[in-house]
């Protein structure tokens, strides 16, 4: 427990160490699904719509899917694919997106990922440890552009998440996630998140949260609205 507290304190210090990258606070609208298809397998579905402002100024579309293998009730292995379309321009036509310098061009990324999740419970606190490897195939601009670039990058991610029930309906959710490049510029980003969750039905919930996303050159603040829907698609006997 002591190591967990130290981890979160370090994350908070990192998140407040730099000035915000924008005058506006953006928002991410998100959907997550885990659809059980057999006793051992489920399908992950995900869509995120990210904006520089609360209702305009598009930043990023993320679509992700994967096949989950449930090793036991506390361990899940996943392999999957994601497509990410990014407009990195907020107010300046020349922007550093992560470690990529972009000159008023759009980014498209095809991503393969492998993931392992472990869960455990301490008193009322539910802990989730998520380990993820990503192989990222990125293009900047169109192929006929003189500044067209194609690159392949590899990244590792670790997320520690803690959920605390308040009542049968409401809960709190917190996480910190660090992104590490497996090539030059080791630090990629760190995400610190806190949210109030609402259980709607046995298989669905919503979260209303706040994310502080730190890069090496800037910090971005984001509201988040997340919808979670996890129906069991197995045929009933």
C-alpha atoms as a PDB file:
ATOM      1  CA  UNK A   1       0.000   0.000   0.000  1.00  0.00           C
ATOM      2  CA  UNK A   2       2.884   2.399   0.779  1.00  0.00           C
ATOM      3  CA  UNK A   3       4.338   1.928  -2.711  1.00  0.00           C
ATOM      4  CA  UNK A   4       0.935   2.708  -4.265  1.00  0.00           C
ATOM      5  CA  UNK A   5       0.675   5.991  -2.320  1.00  0.00           C
ATOM      6  CA  UNK A   6       4.209   6.994  -3.360  1.00  0.00           C
ATOM      7  CA  UNK A   7       3.390   6.172  -6.992  1.00  0.00           C
ATOM      8  CA  UNK A   8       0.358   8.481  -7.015  1.00  0.00           C
ATOM      9  CA  UNK A   9       2.204  11.312  -5.223  1.00  0.00           C
ATOM     10  CA  UNK A  10       4.969  11.220  -7.836  1.00  0.00           C
ATOM     11  CA  UNK A  11       2.390  11.257 -10.622  1.00  0.00           C
ATOM     12  CA  UNK A  12       0.663  14.320  -9.134  1.00  0.00           C
ATOM     13  CA  UNK A  13       4.004  16.129  -8.874  1.00  0.00           C
ATOM     14  CA  UNK A  14       4.776  15.352 -12.527  1.00  0.00           C
ATOM     15  CA  UNK A  15       1.357  16.469 -13.645  1.00  0.00           C
ATOM     16  CA  UNK A  16       1.664  19.899 -12.008  1.00  0.00           C
ATOM     17  CA  UNK A  17       5.286  20.553 -12.961  1.00  0.00           C
ATOM     18  CA  UNK A  18       4.582  22.292 -16.292  1.00  0.00           C
ATOM     19  CA  UNK A  19       2.232  24.918 -17.678  1.00  0.00           C
ATOM     20  CA  UNK A  20      -0.853  23.924 -19.609  1.00  0.00           C
ATOM     21  CA  UNK A  21      -0.353  23.622 -23.369  1.00  0.00           C
ATOM     22  CA  UNK A  22      -3.614  25.439 -24.173  1.00  0.00           C
ATOM     23  CA  UNK A  23      -5.887  28.160 -22.880  1.00  0.00           C
ATOM     24  CA  UNK A  24      -8.945  25.927 -23.346  1.00  0.00           C
ATOM     25  CA  UNK A  25      -9.803  22.715 -21.502  1.00  0.00           C
ATOM     26  CA  UNK A  26     -10.693  19.994 -23.986  1.00  0.00           C
ATOM     27  CA  UNK A  27     -12.914  16.953 -23.640  1.00  0.00           C
ATOM     28  CA  UNK A  28     -12.853  13.253 -24.577  1.00  0.00           C
ATOM     29  CA  UNK A  29     -16.140  11.447 -25.312  1.00  0.00           C
ATOM     30  CA  UNK A  30     -15.526   7.705 -24.901  1.00  0.00           C
ATOM     31  CA  UNK A  31     -17.215   4.325 -25.268  1.00  0.00           C
ATOM     32  CA  UNK A  32     -15.818   1.022 -23.953  1.00  0.00           C
ATOM     33  CA  UNK A  33     -17.276  -2.459 -24.286  1.00  0.00           C
ATOM     34  CA  UNK A  34     -16.299  -5.970 -23.222  1.00  0.00           C
ATOM     35  CA  UNK A  35     -18.598  -8.485 -24.884  1.00  0.00           C
ATOM     36  CA  UNK A  36     -18.365 -12.048 -23.553  1.00  0.00           C
ATOM     37  CA  UNK A  37     -18.683 -14.608 -26.386  1.00  0.00           C
ATOM     38  CA  UNK A  38     -17.490 -17.803 -24.643  1.00  0.00           C
ATOM     39  CA  UNK A  39     -16.444 -18.766 -21.133  1.00  0.00           C
ATOM     40  CA  UNK A  40     -12.825 -17.811 -21.850  1.00  0.00           C
ATOM     41  CA  UNK A  41     -13.080 -15.219 -24.639  1.00  0.00           C
ATOM     42  CA  UNK A  42     -14.561 -11.744 -24.956  1.00  0.00           C
ATOM     43  CA  UNK A  43     -14.293  -8.943 -27.529  1.00  0.00           C
ATOM     44  CA  UNK A  44     -13.073  -5.474 -26.615  1.00  0.00           C
ATOM     45  CA  UNK A  45     -14.654  -2.528 -28.455  1.00  0.00           C
ATOM     46  CA  UNK A  46     -13.736   1.128 -28.003  1.00  0.00           C
ATOM     47  CA  UNK A  47     -14.325   4.517 -29.615  1.00  0.00           C
ATOM     48  CA  UNK A  48     -12.985   7.876 -28.468  1.00  0.00           C
ATOM     49  CA  UNK A  49     -13.719  11.332 -29.864  1.00  0.00           C
ATOM     50  CA  UNK A  50     -11.255  13.887 -28.540  1.00  0.00           C
ATOM     51  CA  UNK A  51     -11.649  17.668 -28.851  1.00  0.00           C
ATOM     52  CA  UNK A  52      -9.500  20.679 -27.992  1.00  0.00           C
ATOM     53  CA  UNK A  53     -12.685  22.379 -26.725  1.00  0.00           C
ATOM     54  CA  UNK A  54     -15.876  20.966 -25.205  1.00  0.00           C
ATOM     55  CA  UNK A  55     -17.884  20.877 -28.450  1.00  0.00           C
ATOM     56  CA  UNK A  56     -15.587  21.914 -31.288  1.00  0.00           C
ATOM     57  CA  UNK A  57     -11.998  21.973 -32.581  1.00  0.00           C
ATOM     58  CA  UNK A  58     -11.470  18.260 -33.358  1.00  0.00           C
ATOM     59  CA  UNK A  59      -8.232  16.734 -32.108  1.00  0.00           C
ATOM     60  CA  UNK A  60      -8.346  12.942 -32.431  1.00  0.00           C
ATOM     61  CA  UNK A  61     -10.458   9.915 -33.351  1.00  0.00           C
ATOM     62  CA  UNK A  62      -9.447   6.586 -31.791  1.00  0.00           C
ATOM     63  CA  UNK A  63     -11.049   3.239 -32.672  1.00  0.00           C
ATOM     64  CA  UNK A  64      -9.767   0.109 -30.938  1.00  0.00           C
ATOM     65  CA  UNK A  65     -10.748  -3.538 -30.796  1.00  0.00           C
ATOM     66  CA  UNK A  66      -9.191  -6.685 -29.398  1.00  0.00           C
ATOM     67  CA  UNK A  67      -9.723 -10.297 -28.392  1.00  0.00           C
ATOM     68  CA  UNK A  68      -9.543 -10.984 -24.660  1.00  0.00           C
ATOM     69  CA  UNK A  69      -8.567 -14.338 -23.160  1.00  0.00           C
ATOM     70  CA  UNK A  70      -9.762 -14.683 -19.559  1.00  0.00           C
ATOM     71  CA  UNK A  71      -7.083 -16.744 -17.837  1.00  0.00           C
ATOM     72  CA  UNK A  72      -9.013 -16.575 -14.572  1.00  0.00           C
ATOM     73  CA  UNK A  73     -11.231 -14.030 -12.807  1.00  0.00           C
ATOM     74  CA  UNK A  74      -8.199 -11.861 -11.972  1.00  0.00           C
ATOM     75  CA  UNK A  75      -6.132 -12.079 -15.180  1.00  0.00           C
ATOM     76  CA  UNK A  76      -6.888 -11.180 -18.817  1.00  0.00           C
ATOM     77  CA  UNK A  77      -4.581 -11.301 -21.855  1.00  0.00           C
ATOM     78  CA  UNK A  78      -5.488  -9.270 -24.953  1.00  0.00           C
ATOM     79  CA  UNK A  79      -4.236  -8.800 -28.520  1.00  0.00           C
ATOM     80  CA  UNK A  80      -5.748  -6.116 -30.713  1.00  0.00           C
ATOM     81  CA  UNK A  81      -5.679  -3.330 -33.271  1.00  0.00           C
ATOM     82  CA  UNK A  82      -6.338   0.415 -33.165  1.00  0.00           C
ATOM     83  CA  UNK A  83      -6.758   3.159 -35.745  1.00  0.00           C
ATOM     84  CA  UNK A  84      -6.004   6.757 -34.729  1.00  0.00           C
ATOM     85  CA  UNK A  85      -6.614   9.873 -36.830  1.00  0.00           C
ATOM     86  CA  UNK A  86      -5.137  13.065 -35.406  1.00  0.00           C
ATOM     87  CA  UNK A  87      -5.350  16.767 -36.149  1.00  0.00           C
ATOM     88  CA  UNK A  88      -2.526  18.128 -33.954  1.00  0.00           C
ATOM     89  CA  UNK A  89      -3.153  21.812 -34.715  1.00  0.00           C
ATOM     90  CA  UNK A  90      -4.713  23.951 -32.009  1.00  0.00           C
ATOM     91  CA  UNK A  91      -3.571  27.523 -32.618  1.00  0.00           C
ATOM     92  CA  UNK A  92      -0.068  27.125 -34.051  1.00  0.00           C
ATOM     93  CA  UNK A  93       0.572  25.540 -37.456  1.00  0.00           C
ATOM     94  CA  UNK A  94       3.784  23.929 -36.186  1.00  0.00           C
ATOM     95  CA  UNK A  95       3.194  21.582 -33.279  1.00  0.00           C
ATOM     96  CA  UNK A  96       5.111  18.881 -31.422  1.00  0.00           C
ATOM     97  CA  UNK A  97       2.802  15.889 -31.129  1.00  0.00           C
ATOM     98  CA  UNK A  98       4.490  13.612 -28.602  1.00  0.00           C
ATOM     99  CA  UNK A  99       7.974  13.370 -30.090  1.00  0.00           C
ATOM    100  CA  UNK A 100       6.856  14.114 -33.696  1.00  0.00           C
ATOM    101  CA  UNK A 101       7.209  17.629 -35.169  1.00  0.00           C
ATOM    102  CA  UNK A 102       4.206  18.354 -37.379  1.00  0.00           C
ATOM    103  CA  UNK A 103       3.898  21.264 -39.815  1.00  0.00           C
ATOM    104  CA  UNK A 104       0.138  21.708 -40.336  1.00  0.00           C
ATOM    105  CA  UNK A 105      -0.286  18.084 -41.430  1.00  0.00           C
ATOM    106  CA  UNK A 106      -2.581  15.285 -40.299  1.00  0.00           C
ATOM    107  CA  UNK A 107      -1.385  12.110 -38.607  1.00  0.00           C
ATOM    108  CA  UNK A 108      -2.763   8.624 -39.250  1.00  0.00           C
ATOM    109  CA  UNK A 109      -1.726   5.686 -37.128  1.00  0.00           C
ATOM    110  CA  UNK A 110      -2.347   1.946 -37.354  1.00  0.00           C
ATOM    111  CA  UNK A 111      -1.470   0.275 -34.083  1.00  0.00           C
ATOM    112  CA  UNK A 112      -1.083  -3.320 -32.920  1.00  0.00           C
ATOM    113  CA  UNK A 113      -1.084  -3.944 -29.175  1.00  0.00           C
ATOM    114  CA  UNK A 114      -0.610  -6.732 -26.655  1.00  0.00           C
ATOM    115  CA  UNK A 115      -1.984  -6.340 -23.146  1.00  0.00           C
ATOM    116  CA  UNK A 116      -2.099  -8.083 -19.787  1.00  0.00           C
ATOM    117  CA  UNK A 117      -4.406  -7.085 -16.902  1.00  0.00           C
ATOM    118  CA  UNK A 118      -4.166  -8.221 -13.288  1.00  0.00           C
ATOM    119  CA  UNK A 119      -6.769  -7.318 -10.669  1.00  0.00           C
ATOM    120  CA  UNK A 120      -6.915  -7.653  -6.901  1.00  0.00           C
ATOM    121  CA  UNK A 121      -8.852  -6.223  -3.986  1.00  0.00           C
ATOM    122  CA  UNK A 122      -7.629  -4.723  -0.709  1.00  0.00           C
ATOM    123  CA  UNK A 123     -10.462  -3.951   1.727  1.00  0.00           C
ATOM    124  CA  UNK A 124     -12.938  -1.958  -0.379  1.00  0.00           C
ATOM    125  CA  UNK A 125     -10.315  -0.840  -2.908  1.00  0.00           C
ATOM    126  CA  UNK A 126     -10.280  -2.654  -6.276  1.00  0.00           C
ATOM    127  CA  UNK A 127      -6.858  -2.451  -7.970  1.00  0.00           C
ATOM    128  CA  UNK A 128      -6.143  -3.020 -11.660  1.00  0.00           C
ATOM    129  CA  UNK A 129      -2.648  -3.276 -13.151  1.00  0.00           C
ATOM    130  CA  UNK A 130      -2.598  -2.931 -16.943  1.00  0.00           C
ATOM    131  CA  UNK A 131       0.573  -3.679 -18.935  1.00  0.00           C
ATOM    132  CA  UNK A 132       0.522  -2.851 -22.642  1.00  0.00           C
ATOM    133  CA  UNK A 133       2.984  -3.040 -25.561  1.00  0.00           C
ATOM    134  CA  UNK A 134       2.263  -1.101 -28.766  1.00  0.00           C
ATOM    135  CA  UNK A 135       3.662  -1.286 -32.283  1.00  0.00           C
ATOM    136  CA  UNK A 136       2.767   2.019 -33.962  1.00  0.00           C
ATOM    137  CA  UNK A 137       2.787   2.583 -37.744  1.00  0.00           C
ATOM    138  CA  UNK A 138       2.489   6.343 -38.289  1.00  0.00           C
ATOM    139  CA  UNK A 139       2.158   8.484 -41.399  1.00  0.00           C
ATOM    140  CA  UNK A 140       2.316  12.282 -41.428  1.00  0.00           C
ATOM    141  CA  UNK A 141       0.458  13.963 -44.319  1.00  0.00           C
ATOM    142  CA  UNK A 142      -0.499  12.393 -47.641  1.00  0.00           C
ATOM    143  CA  UNK A 143       1.852  10.340 -49.807  1.00  0.00           C
ATOM    144  CA  UNK A 144       2.047  13.055 -52.477  1.00  0.00           C
ATOM    145  CA  UNK A 145       2.999  15.759 -49.932  1.00  0.00           C
ATOM    146  CA  UNK A 146       6.657  16.861 -50.030  1.00  0.00           C
ATOM    147  CA  UNK A 147       6.794  16.569 -46.216  1.00  0.00           C
ATOM    148  CA  UNK A 148       5.209  13.108 -46.113  1.00  0.00           C
ATOM    149  CA  UNK A 149       6.803  10.887 -43.454  1.00  0.00           C
ATOM    150  CA  UNK A 150       6.346   7.264 -42.465  1.00  0.00           C
ATOM    151  CA  UNK A 151       7.668   5.848 -39.203  1.00  0.00           C
ATOM    152  CA  UNK A 152       7.379   2.827 -36.933  1.00  0.00           C
ATOM    153  CA  UNK A 153       7.541   3.305 -33.180  1.00  0.00           C
ATOM    154  CA  UNK A 154       7.348   0.959 -30.209  1.00  0.00           C
ATOM    155  CA  UNK A 155       5.957   1.886 -26.821  1.00  0.00           C
ATOM    156  CA  UNK A 156       5.271   0.341 -23.407  1.00  0.00           C
ATOM    157  CA  UNK A 157       2.509   1.489 -21.040  1.00  0.00           C
ATOM    158  CA  UNK A 158       1.688   0.741 -17.411  1.00  0.00           C
ATOM    159  CA  UNK A 159      -1.545   1.863 -15.740  1.00  0.00           C
ATOM    160  CA  UNK A 160      -2.397   1.522 -12.066  1.00  0.00           C
ATOM    161  CA  UNK A 161      -6.126   2.005 -11.454  1.00  0.00           C
ATOM    162  CA  UNK A 162      -8.005   2.122  -8.142  1.00  0.00           C
ATOM    163  CA  UNK A 163     -11.797   1.956  -7.785  1.00  0.00           C
ATOM    164  CA  UNK A 164     -13.629   2.714  -4.545  1.00  0.00           C
ATOM    165  CA  UNK A 165     -17.392   2.066  -4.185  1.00  0.00           C
ATOM    166  CA  UNK A 166     -19.345   4.810  -2.402  1.00  0.00           C
ATOM    167  CA  UNK A 167     -22.808   3.229  -2.577  1.00  0.00           C
ATOM    168  CA  UNK A 168     -24.399   0.491  -4.690  1.00  0.00           C
ATOM    169  CA  UNK A 169     -24.767   3.095  -7.468  1.00  0.00           C
ATOM    170  CA  UNK A 170     -21.856   5.527  -7.154  1.00  0.00           C
ATOM    171  CA  UNK A 171     -18.097   4.916  -7.123  1.00  0.00           C
ATOM    172  CA  UNK A 172     -14.791   6.766  -7.476  1.00  0.00           C
ATOM    173  CA  UNK A 173     -12.176   5.807 -10.049  1.00  0.00           C
ATOM    174  CA  UNK A 174      -8.542   6.959 -10.170  1.00  0.00           C
ATOM    175  CA  UNK A 175      -5.592   5.973 -12.322  1.00  0.00           C
ATOM    176  CA  UNK A 176      -2.108   6.967 -13.314  1.00  0.00           C
ATOM    177  CA  UNK A 177      -0.575   5.705 -16.557  1.00  0.00           C
ATOM    178  CA  UNK A 178       2.966   6.188 -17.795  1.00  0.00           C
ATOM    179  CA  UNK A 179       4.013   5.783 -21.461  1.00  0.00           C
ATOM    180  CA  UNK A 180       7.599   4.799 -22.264  1.00  0.00           C
ATOM    181  CA  UNK A 181       9.130   4.895 -25.759  1.00  0.00           C
ATOM    182  CA  UNK A 182      11.262   1.851 -26.565  1.00  0.00           C
ATOM    183  CA  UNK A 183      13.644   3.943 -28.663  1.00  0.00           C
ATOM    184  CA  UNK A 184      14.960   7.525 -28.368  1.00  0.00           C
ATOM    185  CA  UNK A 185      13.254   9.996 -25.991  1.00  0.00           C
ATOM    186  CA  UNK A 186      12.368   7.439 -23.338  1.00  0.00           C
ATOM    187  CA  UNK A 187       9.542   9.435 -21.688  1.00  0.00           C
ATOM    188  CA  UNK A 188       6.471   9.823 -23.891  1.00  0.00           C
ATOM    189  CA  UNK A 189       3.660  10.958 -21.588  1.00  0.00           C
ATOM    190  CA  UNK A 190       1.911  10.498 -18.237  1.00  0.00           C
ATOM    191  CA  UNK A 191      -1.839  10.528 -17.605  1.00  0.00           C
ATOM    192  CA  UNK A 192      -3.381  11.247 -14.208  1.00  0.00           C
ATOM    193  CA  UNK A 193      -7.159  10.745 -13.934  1.00  0.00           C
ATOM    194  CA  UNK A 194      -9.956  10.998 -11.393  1.00  0.00           C
ATOM    195  CA  UNK A 195     -13.683  10.388 -11.915  1.00  0.00           C
ATOM    196  CA  UNK A 196     -17.089   9.877 -10.362  1.00  0.00           C
ATOM    197  CA  UNK A 197     -18.796   6.751 -11.678  1.00  0.00           C
ATOM    198  CA  UNK A 198     -22.464   5.779 -11.851  1.00  0.00           C
ATOM    199  CA  UNK A 199     -23.677   2.183 -12.246  1.00  0.00           C
ATOM    200  CA  UNK A 200     -26.730   2.257 -14.515  1.00  0.00           C
ATOM    201  CA  UNK A 201     -27.431  -1.468 -14.835  1.00  0.00           C
ATOM    202  CA  UNK A 202     -25.571  -4.666 -14.011  1.00  0.00           C
ATOM    203  CA  UNK A 203     -23.637  -4.407 -17.307  1.00  0.00           C
ATOM    204  CA  UNK A 204     -23.407  -0.654 -17.866  1.00  0.00           C
ATOM    205  CA  UNK A 205     -21.982   2.439 -16.194  1.00  0.00           C
ATOM    206  CA  UNK A 206     -20.802   5.989 -16.854  1.00  0.00           C
ATOM    207  CA  UNK A 207     -17.846   7.988 -15.602  1.00  0.00           C
ATOM    208  CA  UNK A 208     -17.436  11.770 -15.424  1.00  0.00           C
ATOM    209  CA  UNK A 209     -13.785  12.578 -14.956  1.00  0.00           C
ATOM    210  CA  UNK A 210     -10.808  14.875 -15.353  1.00  0.00           C
ATOM    211  CA  UNK A 211      -7.505  13.955 -17.007  1.00  0.00           C
ATOM    212  CA  UNK A 212      -4.161  15.733 -16.755  1.00  0.00           C
ATOM    213  CA  UNK A 213      -2.040  14.607 -19.713  1.00  0.00           C
ATOM    214  CA  UNK A 214       1.643  15.503 -19.446  1.00  0.00           C
ATOM    215  CA  UNK A 215       4.049  15.385 -22.379  1.00  0.00           C
ATOM    216  CA  UNK A 216       7.725  16.336 -22.237  1.00  0.00           C
ATOM    217  CA  UNK A 217       6.953  19.790 -23.655  1.00  0.00           C
ATOM    218  CA  UNK A 218       3.419  20.577 -22.406  1.00  0.00           C
ATOM    219  CA  UNK A 219       0.528  19.582 -20.166  1.00  0.00           C
ATOM    220  CA  UNK A 220      -3.066  19.265 -21.433  1.00  0.00           C
ATOM    221  CA  UNK A 221      -6.181  19.243 -19.252  1.00  0.00           C
ATOM    222  CA  UNK A 222      -9.172  17.211 -20.433  1.00  0.00           C
ATOM    223  CA  UNK A 223     -12.676  16.513 -19.196  1.00  0.00           C
ATOM    224  CA  UNK A 224     -13.819  12.966 -19.894  1.00  0.00           C
ATOM    225  CA  UNK A 225     -17.250  11.394 -20.315  1.00  0.00           C
ATOM    226  CA  UNK A 226     -17.075   7.618 -20.582  1.00  0.00           C
ATOM    227  CA  UNK A 227     -19.798   5.051 -21.275  1.00  0.00           C
ATOM    228  CA  UNK A 228     -19.121   1.393 -20.411  1.00  0.00           C
ATOM    229  CA  UNK A 229     -21.340  -1.403 -21.749  1.00  0.00           C
ATOM    230  CA  UNK A 230     -20.407  -5.034 -21.138  1.00  0.00           C
ATOM    231  CA  UNK A 231     -23.202  -7.362 -22.330  1.00  0.00           C
ATOM    232  CA  UNK A 232     -22.859 -11.131 -22.242  1.00  0.00           C
ATOM    233  CA  UNK A 233     -23.357 -12.279 -25.865  1.00  0.00           C
ATOM    234  CA  UNK A 234     -23.330 -15.993 -25.116  1.00  0.00           C
ATOM    235  CA  UNK A 235     -26.484 -17.864 -26.019  1.00  0.00           C
ATOM    236  CA  UNK A 236     -28.652 -18.543 -23.023  1.00  0.00           C
ATOM    237  CA  UNK A 237     -29.376 -22.217 -22.381  1.00  0.00           C
END
